[in-house]
Amino acid sequence: DYETKKGYKPDMNVATAYDAVMVVARAVEKANALDKGKIKEALAGIKDFPGLTGKLSFNQYGDGGTEALLFEVQGGQTRLIPSK
């Protein structure tokens, strides 16, 4: 759908931005509020969120992210190597 709408294939920046928006949306939903303290608390409870770039998890401080990401460049094209 993205390529049809935008005219180009999504790159890693698109995927990580999408994951960021989706995980914050999940935290807001879990917090059931727009209070930053409640959202941070909800974010800390997110474990193994199924993002496009891998599973996202956060610690009690709201720090976290994905598993390590590996990329391959061939012929000027960058692609994510799927984790096993």
PDB file of N, CA and C in Angstrom:
ATOM      1  N   ASP A   1       0.822  -1.198   0.000  1.00  0.00           N
ATOM      2  CA  ASP A   1       0.000   0.000   0.000  1.00  0.00           C
ATOM      3  C   ASP A   1       0.865   1.259   0.000  1.00  0.00           C
ATOM      4  N   TYR A   2       1.937   1.251   0.770  1.00  0.00           N
ATOM      5  CA  TYR A   2       2.797   2.436   0.869  1.00  0.00           C
ATOM      6  C   TYR A   2       3.369   2.804  -0.496  1.00  0.00           C
ATOM      7  N   GLU A   3       3.900   1.808  -1.189  1.00  0.00           N
ATOM      8  CA  GLU A   3       4.513   2.074  -2.490  1.00  0.00           C
ATOM      9  C   GLU A   3       3.487   2.609  -3.485  1.00  0.00           C
ATOM     10  N   THR A   4       2.282   2.073  -3.456  1.00  0.00           N
ATOM     11  CA  THR A   4       1.220   2.539  -4.347  1.00  0.00           C
ATOM     12  C   THR A   4       0.856   3.988  -4.053  1.00  0.00           C
ATOM     13  N   LYS A   5       0.740   4.321  -2.775  1.00  0.00           N
ATOM     14  CA  LYS A   5       0.340   5.682  -2.385  1.00  0.00           C
ATOM     15  C   LYS A   5       1.449   6.704  -2.560  1.00  0.00           C
ATOM     16  N   LYS A   6       2.684   6.339  -2.227  1.00  0.00           N
ATOM     17  CA  LYS A   6       3.796   7.284  -2.226  1.00  0.00           C
ATOM     18  C   LYS A   6       4.644   7.250  -3.498  1.00  0.00           C
ATOM     19  N   GLY A   7       4.572   6.143  -4.228  1.00  0.00           N
ATOM     20  CA  GLY A   7       5.348   6.039  -5.459  1.00  0.00           C
ATOM     21  C   GLY A   7       6.746   5.497  -5.276  1.00  0.00           C
ATOM     22  N   TYR A   8       7.097   5.084  -4.059  1.00  0.00           N
ATOM     23  CA  TYR A   8       8.406   4.475  -3.817  1.00  0.00           C
ATOM     24  C   TYR A   8       8.294   3.509  -2.642  1.00  0.00           C
ATOM     25  N   LYS A   9       9.238   2.586  -2.599  1.00  0.00           N
ATOM     26  CA  LYS A   9       9.229   1.598  -1.523  1.00  0.00           C
ATOM     27  C   LYS A   9       9.663   2.258  -0.213  1.00  0.00           C
ATOM     28  N   PRO A  10       9.061   1.860   0.902  1.00  0.00           N
ATOM     29  CA  PRO A  10       9.470   2.431   2.191  1.00  0.00           C
ATOM     30  C   PRO A  10      10.883   1.982   2.546  1.00  0.00           C
ATOM     31  N   ASP A  11      11.647   2.908   3.143  1.00  0.00           N
ATOM     32  CA  ASP A  11      12.992   2.566   3.573  1.00  0.00           C
ATOM     33  C   ASP A  11      13.007   2.385   5.093  1.00  0.00           C
ATOM     34  N   MET A  12      14.185   2.226   5.652  1.00  0.00           N
ATOM     35  CA  MET A  12      14.310   1.973   7.086  1.00  0.00           C
ATOM     36  C   MET A  12      13.810   3.152   7.916  1.00  0.00           C
ATOM     37  N   ASN A  13      13.996   4.373   7.415  1.00  0.00           N
ATOM     38  CA  ASN A  13      13.499   5.541   8.148  1.00  0.00           C
ATOM     39  C   ASN A  13      11.983   5.508   8.278  1.00  0.00           C
ATOM     40  N   VAL A  14      11.326   5.093   7.226  1.00  0.00           N
ATOM     41  CA  VAL A  14       9.862   4.986   7.251  1.00  0.00           C
ATOM     42  C   VAL A  14       9.445   3.922   8.265  1.00  0.00           C
ATOM     43  N   ALA A  15      10.122   2.789   8.243  1.00  0.00           N
ATOM     44  CA  ALA A  15       9.774   1.689   9.147  1.00  0.00           C
ATOM     45  C   ALA A  15       9.986   2.075  10.611  1.00  0.00           C
ATOM     46  N   THR A  16      11.103   2.727  10.932  1.00  0.00           N
ATOM     47  CA  THR A  16      11.351   3.093  12.328  1.00  0.00           C
ATOM     48  C   THR A  16      10.406   4.202  12.789  1.00  0.00           C
ATOM     49  N   ALA A  17      10.078   5.130  11.893  1.00  0.00           N
ATOM     50  CA  ALA A  17       9.113   6.179  12.241  1.00  0.00           C
ATOM     51  C   ALA A  17       7.741   5.562  12.495  1.00  0.00           C
ATOM     52  N   TYR A  18       7.347   4.627  11.663  1.00  0.00           N
ATOM     53  CA  TYR A  18       6.065   3.934  11.838  1.00  0.00           C
ATOM     54  C   TYR A  18       6.039   3.218  13.188  1.00  0.00           C
ATOM     55  N   ASP A  19       7.111   2.494  13.497  1.00  0.00           N
ATOM     56  CA  ASP A  19       7.178   1.783  14.780  1.00  0.00           C
ATOM     57  C   ASP A  19       7.073   2.756  15.951  1.00  0.00           C
ATOM     58  N   ALA A  20       7.754   3.887  15.863  1.00  0.00           N
ATOM     59  CA  ALA A  20       7.720   4.874  16.945  1.00  0.00           C
ATOM     60  C   ALA A  20       6.305   5.383  17.179  1.00  0.00           C
ATOM     61  N   VAL A  21       5.620   5.723  16.102  1.00  0.00           N
ATOM     62  CA  VAL A  21       4.243   6.221  16.226  1.00  0.00           C
ATOM     63  C   VAL A  21       3.332   5.142  16.802  1.00  0.00           C
ATOM     64  N   MET A  22       3.476   3.923  16.321  1.00  0.00           N
ATOM     65  CA  MET A  22       2.592   2.841  16.772  1.00  0.00           C
ATOM     66  C   MET A  22       2.824   2.479  18.242  1.00  0.00           C
ATOM     67  N   VAL A  23       4.076   2.481  18.693  1.00  0.00           N
ATOM     68  CA  VAL A  23       4.350   2.117  20.080  1.00  0.00           C
ATOM     69  C   VAL A  23       3.888   3.234  21.023  1.00  0.00           C
ATOM     70  N   VAL A  24       4.022   4.494  20.613  1.00  0.00           N
ATOM     71  CA  VAL A  24       3.507   5.589  21.438  1.00  0.00           C
ATOM     72  C   VAL A  24       1.979   5.532  21.478  1.00  0.00           C
ATOM     73  N   ALA A  25       1.364   5.229  20.352  1.00  0.00           N
ATOM     74  CA  ALA A  25      -0.100   5.084  20.327  1.00  0.00           C
ATOM     75  C   ALA A  25      -0.540   3.975  21.280  1.00  0.00           C
ATOM     76  N   ARG A  26       0.206   2.868  21.322  1.00  0.00           N
ATOM     77  CA  ARG A  26      -0.123   1.768  22.236  1.00  0.00           C
ATOM     78  C   ARG A  26       0.009   2.232  23.682  1.00  0.00           C
ATOM     79  N   ALA A  27       1.061   3.007  23.974  1.00  0.00           N
ATOM     80  CA  ALA A  27       1.264   3.504  25.339  1.00  0.00           C
ATOM     81  C   ALA A  27       0.142   4.461  25.741  1.00  0.00           C
ATOM     82  N   VAL A  28      -0.272   5.337  24.844  1.00  0.00           N
ATOM     83  CA  VAL A  28      -1.382   6.253  25.130  1.00  0.00           C
ATOM     84  C   VAL A  28      -2.657   5.462  25.385  1.00  0.00           C
ATOM     85  N   GLU A  29      -2.871   4.450  24.565  1.00  0.00           N
ATOM     86  CA  GLU A  29      -4.050   3.589  24.742  1.00  0.00           C
ATOM     87  C   GLU A  29      -4.017   2.887  26.103  1.00  0.00           C
ATOM     88  N   LYS A  30      -2.857   2.334  26.462  1.00  0.00           N
ATOM     89  CA  LYS A  30      -2.718   1.647  27.754  1.00  0.00           C
ATOM     90  C   LYS A  30      -2.879   2.620  28.921  1.00  0.00           C
ATOM     91  N   ALA A  31      -2.365   3.854  28.761  1.00  0.00           N
ATOM     92  CA  ALA A  31      -2.445   4.857  29.831  1.00  0.00           C
ATOM     93  C   ALA A  31      -3.860   5.400  29.965  1.00  0.00           C
ATOM     94  N   ASN A  32      -4.605   5.326  28.882  1.00  0.00           N
ATOM     95  CA  ASN A  32      -5.969   5.865  28.847  1.00  0.00           C
ATOM     96  C   ASN A  32      -5.965   7.342  29.260  1.00  0.00           C
ATOM     97  N   ALA A  33      -4.898   8.050  28.853  1.00  0.00           N
ATOM     98  CA  ALA A  33      -4.737   9.465  29.207  1.00  0.00           C
ATOM     99  C   ALA A  33      -3.650  10.077  28.334  1.00  0.00           C
ATOM    100  N   LEU A  34      -3.624  11.400  28.305  1.00  0.00           N
ATOM    101  CA  LEU A  34      -2.573  12.101  27.578  1.00  0.00           C
ATOM    102  C   LEU A  34      -1.548  12.714  28.521  1.00  0.00           C
ATOM    103  N   ASP A  35      -1.564  12.284  29.763  1.00  0.00           N
ATOM    104  CA  ASP A  35      -0.614  12.742  30.767  1.00  0.00           C
ATOM    105  C   ASP A  35       0.736  12.074  30.512  1.00  0.00           C
ATOM    106  N   LYS A  36       1.813  12.882  30.384  1.00  0.00           N
ATOM    107  CA  LYS A  36       3.115  12.309  30.032  1.00  0.00           C
ATOM    108  C   LYS A  36       3.634  11.305  31.055  1.00  0.00           C
ATOM    109  N   GLY A  37       3.343  11.505  32.327  1.00  0.00           N
ATOM    110  CA  GLY A  37       3.772  10.554  33.349  1.00  0.00           C
ATOM    111  C   GLY A  37       3.088   9.212  33.195  1.00  0.00           C
ATOM    112  N   LYS A  38       1.798   9.243  32.898  1.00  0.00           N
ATOM    113  CA  LYS A  38       1.048   7.994  32.708  1.00  0.00           C
ATOM    114  C   LYS A  38       1.474   7.285  31.428  1.00  0.00           C
ATOM    115  N   ILE A  39       1.778   8.070  30.390  1.00  0.00           N
ATOM    116  CA  ILE A  39       2.237   7.474  29.133  1.00  0.00           C
ATOM    117  C   ILE A  39       3.603   6.829  29.329  1.00  0.00           C
ATOM    118  N   LYS A  40       4.494   7.496  30.059  1.00  0.00           N
ATOM    119  CA  LYS A  40       5.820   6.935  30.335  1.00  0.00           C
ATOM    120  C   LYS A  40       5.686   5.629  31.117  1.00  0.00           C
ATOM    121  N   GLU A  41       4.793   5.622  32.086  1.00  0.00           N
ATOM    122  CA  GLU A  41       4.555   4.410  32.883  1.00  0.00           C
ATOM    123  C   GLU A  41       4.025   3.283  31.991  1.00  0.00           C
ATOM    124  N   ALA A  42       3.093   3.617  31.110  1.00  0.00           N
ATOM    125  CA  ALA A  42       2.536   2.609  30.198  1.00  0.00           C
ATOM    126  C   ALA A  42       3.599   2.110  29.229  1.00  0.00           C
ATOM    127  N   LEU A  43       4.457   3.007  28.765  1.00  0.00           N
ATOM    128  CA  LEU A  43       5.528   2.638  27.850  1.00  0.00           C
ATOM    129  C   LEU A  43       6.462   1.626  28.502  1.00  0.00           C
ATOM    130  N   ALA A  44       6.737   1.832  29.783  1.00  0.00           N
ATOM    131  CA  ALA A  44       7.626   0.911  30.514  1.00  0.00           C
ATOM    132  C   ALA A  44       7.042  -0.492  30.594  1.00  0.00           C
ATOM    133  N   GLY A  45       5.732  -0.614  30.458  1.00  0.00           N
ATOM    134  CA  GLY A  45       5.099  -1.933  30.518  1.00  0.00           C
ATOM    135  C   GLY A  45       5.011  -2.636  29.180  1.00  0.00           C
ATOM    136  N   ILE A  46       5.467  -1.985  28.129  1.00  0.00           N
ATOM    137  CA  ILE A  46       5.385  -2.601  26.802  1.00  0.00           C
ATOM    138  C   ILE A  46       6.571  -3.540  26.603  1.00  0.00           C
ATOM    139  N   LYS A  47       6.259  -4.777  26.300  1.00  0.00           N
ATOM    140  CA  LYS A  47       7.274  -5.809  26.069  1.00  0.00           C
ATOM    141  C   LYS A  47       6.958  -6.531  24.761  1.00  0.00           C
ATOM    142  N   ASP A  48       7.965  -6.715  23.948  1.00  0.00           N
ATOM    143  CA  ASP A  48       7.849  -7.473  22.701  1.00  0.00           C
ATOM    144  C   ASP A  48       6.757  -6.944  21.768  1.00  0.00           C
ATOM    145  N   PHE A  49       6.642  -5.615  21.663  1.00  0.00           N
ATOM    146  CA  PHE A  49       5.701  -5.014  20.722  1.00  0.00           C
ATOM    147  C   PHE A  49       6.119  -5.417  19.309  1.00  0.00           C
ATOM    148  N   PRO A  50       5.201  -5.952  18.507  1.00  0.00           N
ATOM    149  CA  PRO A  50       5.575  -6.444  17.178  1.00  0.00           C
ATOM    150  C   PRO A  50       5.728  -5.318  16.152  1.00  0.00           C
ATOM    151  N   GLY A  51       6.881  -4.674  16.134  1.00  0.00           N
ATOM    152  CA  GLY A  51       7.129  -3.592  15.192  1.00  0.00           C
ATOM    153  C   GLY A  51       7.592  -4.115  13.846  1.00  0.00           C
ATOM    154  N   LEU A  52       7.622  -3.242  12.865  1.00  0.00           N
ATOM    155  CA  LEU A  52       8.131  -3.621  11.542  1.00  0.00           C
ATOM    156  C   LEU A  52       9.615  -3.933  11.585  1.00  0.00           C
ATOM    157  N   THR A  53      10.334  -3.274  12.492  1.00  0.00           N
ATOM    158  CA  THR A  53      11.784  -3.445  12.576  1.00  0.00           C
ATOM    159  C   THR A  53      12.209  -4.500  13.586  1.00  0.00           C
ATOM    160  N   GLY A  54      11.257  -5.127  14.228  1.00  0.00           N
ATOM    161  CA  GLY A  54      11.549  -6.140  15.239  1.00  0.00           C
ATOM    162  C   GLY A  54      10.707  -5.908  16.471  1.00  0.00           C
ATOM    163  N   LYS A  55      10.934  -6.707  17.487  1.00  0.00           N
ATOM    164  CA  LYS A  55      10.173  -6.575  18.731  1.00  0.00           C
ATOM    165  C   LYS A  55      10.724  -5.414  19.556  1.00  0.00           C
ATOM    166  N   LEU A  56       9.815  -4.581  20.063  1.00  0.00           N
ATOM    167  CA  LEU A  56      10.188  -3.427  20.879  1.00  0.00           C
ATOM    168  C   LEU A  56       9.830  -3.694  22.326  1.00  0.00           C
ATOM    169  N   SER A  57      10.754  -3.417  23.230  1.00  0.00           N
ATOM    170  CA  SER A  57      10.524  -3.547  24.664  1.00  0.00           C
ATOM    171  C   SER A  57      11.146  -2.353  25.368  1.00  0.00           C
ATOM    172  N   PHE A  58      10.619  -2.019  26.547  1.00  0.00           N
ATOM    173  CA  PHE A  58      11.081  -0.855  27.290  1.00  0.00           C
ATOM    174  C   PHE A  58      11.266  -1.207  28.752  1.00  0.00           C
ATOM    175  N   ASN A  59      12.207  -0.500  29.402  1.00  0.00           N
ATOM    176  CA  ASN A  59      12.443  -0.737  30.829  1.00  0.00           C
ATOM    177  C   ASN A  59      11.589   0.212  31.677  1.00  0.00           C
ATOM    178  N   GLN A  60      11.799   0.207  32.966  1.00  0.00           N
ATOM    179  CA  GLN A  60      10.986   1.001  33.885  1.00  0.00           C
ATOM    180  C   GLN A  60      11.135   2.505  33.677  1.00  0.00           C
ATOM    181  N   TYR A  61      12.176   2.917  32.959  1.00  0.00           N
ATOM    182  CA  TYR A  61      12.401   4.340  32.692  1.00  0.00           C
ATOM    183  C   TYR A  61      11.859   4.763  31.327  1.00  0.00           C
ATOM    184  N   GLY A  62      11.321   3.806  30.588  1.00  0.00           N
ATOM    185  CA  GLY A  62      10.819   4.100  29.254  1.00  0.00           C
ATOM    186  C   GLY A  62      11.896   4.001  28.188  1.00  0.00           C
ATOM    187  N   ASP A  63      13.098   3.563  28.588  1.00  0.00           N
ATOM    188  CA  ASP A  63      14.177   3.392  27.615  1.00  0.00           C
ATOM    189  C   ASP A  63      14.048   2.025  26.969  1.00  0.00           C
ATOM    190  N   GLY A  64      14.414   1.939  25.734  1.00  0.00           N
ATOM    191  CA  GLY A  64      14.364   0.643  25.079  1.00  0.00           C
ATOM    192  C   GLY A  64      14.509   0.771  23.590  1.00  0.00           C
ATOM    193  N   GLY A  65      13.918  -0.129  22.892  1.00  0.00           N
ATOM    194  CA  GLY A  65      13.988  -0.118  21.441  1.00  0.00           C
ATOM    195  C   GLY A  65      13.840  -1.506  20.894  1.00  0.00           C
ATOM    196  N   THR A  66      14.479  -1.725  19.775  1.00  0.00           N
ATOM    197  CA  THR A  66      14.366  -2.999  19.091  1.00  0.00           C
ATOM    198  C   THR A  66      15.564  -3.875  19.404  1.00  0.00           C
ATOM    199  N   GLU A  67      15.505  -5.072  18.888  1.00  0.00           N
ATOM    200  CA  GLU A  67      16.654  -5.949  18.914  1.00  0.00           C
ATOM    201  C   GLU A  67      17.686  -5.312  17.981  1.00  0.00           C
ATOM    202  N   ALA A  68      18.883  -5.835  17.953  1.00  0.00           N
ATOM    203  CA  ALA A  68      19.895  -5.308  17.041  1.00  0.00           C
ATOM    204  C   ALA A  68      19.416  -5.454  15.605  1.00  0.00           C
ATOM    205  N   LEU A  69      19.663  -4.436  14.798  1.00  0.00           N
ATOM    206  CA  LEU A  69      19.254  -4.466  13.401  1.00  0.00           C
ATOM    207  C   LEU A  69      20.482  -4.617  12.516  1.00  0.00           C
ATOM    208  N   LEU A  70      20.401  -5.512  11.562  1.00  0.00           N
ATOM    209  CA  LEU A  70      21.481  -5.731  10.608  1.00  0.00           C
ATOM    210  C   LEU A  70      20.989  -5.354   9.219  1.00  0.00           C
ATOM    211  N   PHE A  71      21.840  -4.649   8.483  1.00  0.00           N
ATOM    212  CA  PHE A  71      21.493  -4.220   7.137  1.00  0.00           C
ATOM    213  C   PHE A  71      22.501  -4.760   6.141  1.00  0.00           C
ATOM    214  N   GLU A  72      22.051  -4.897   4.924  1.00  0.00           N
ATOM    215  CA  GLU A  72      22.902  -5.330   3.829  1.00  0.00           C
ATOM    216  C   GLU A  72      22.739  -4.307   2.709  1.00  0.00           C
ATOM    217  N   VAL A  73      23.854  -3.918   2.098  1.00  0.00           N
ATOM    218  CA  VAL A  73      23.804  -2.998   0.972  1.00  0.00           C
ATOM    219  C   VAL A  73      24.320  -3.737  -0.257  1.00  0.00           C
ATOM    220  N   GLN A  74      23.482  -3.802  -1.284  1.00  0.00           N
ATOM    221  CA  GLN A  74      23.864  -4.435  -2.542  1.00  0.00           C
ATOM    222  C   GLN A  74      23.333  -3.583  -3.681  1.00  0.00           C
ATOM    223  N   GLY A  75      24.197  -3.241  -4.598  1.00  0.00           N
ATOM    224  CA  GLY A  75      23.776  -2.470  -5.761  1.00  0.00           C
ATOM    225  C   GLY A  75      23.140  -1.143  -5.398  1.00  0.00           C
ATOM    226  N   GLY A  76      23.610  -0.532  -4.317  1.00  0.00           N
ATOM    227  CA  GLY A  76      23.072   0.754  -3.907  1.00  0.00           C
ATOM    228  C   GLY A  76      21.763   0.677  -3.150  1.00  0.00           C
ATOM    229  N   GLN A  77      21.276  -0.518  -2.920  1.00  0.00           N
ATOM    230  CA  GLN A  77      20.026  -0.713  -2.183  1.00  0.00           C
ATOM    231  C   GLN A  77      20.322  -1.250  -0.785  1.00  0.00           C
ATOM    232  N   THR A  78      19.651  -0.702   0.203  1.00  0.00           N
ATOM    233  CA  THR A  78      19.803  -1.165   1.579  1.00  0.00           C
ATOM    234  C   THR A  78      18.593  -1.987   1.954  1.00  0.00           C
ATOM    235  N   ARG A  79      18.835  -3.114   2.577  1.00  0.00           N
ATOM    236  CA  ARG A  79      17.704  -3.934   3.031  1.00  0.00           C
ATOM    237  C   ARG A  79      18.004  -4.438   4.441  1.00  0.00           C
ATOM    238  N   LEU A  80      16.959  -4.585   5.214  1.00  0.00           N
ATOM    239  CA  LEU A  80      17.058  -5.117   6.566  1.00  0.00           C
ATOM    240  C   LEU A  80      17.183  -6.629   6.464  1.00  0.00           C
ATOM    241  N   ILE A  81      18.136  -7.177   7.172  1.00  0.00           N
ATOM    242  CA  ILE A  81      18.269  -8.628   7.246  1.00  0.00           C
ATOM    243  C   ILE A  81      17.377  -9.087   8.394  1.00  0.00           C
ATOM    244  N   PRO A  82      16.363  -9.899   8.098  1.00  0.00           N
ATOM    245  CA  PRO A  82      15.431 -10.335   9.151  1.00  0.00           C
ATOM    246  C   PRO A  82      16.141 -11.084  10.270  1.00  0.00           C
ATOM    247  N   SER A  83      15.706 -10.837  11.514  1.00  0.00           N
ATOM    248  CA  SER A  83      16.287 -11.551  12.653  1.00  0.00           C
ATOM    249  C   SER A  83      15.738 -12.964  12.676  1.00  0.00           C
ATOM    250  N   LYS A  84      16.494 -13.845  13.281  1.00  0.00           N
ATOM    251  CA  LYS A  84      16.080 -15.254  13.317  1.00  0.00           C
ATOM    252  C   LYS A  84      15.456 -15.600  14.625  1.00  0.00           C
TER     253      LYS A  84
END
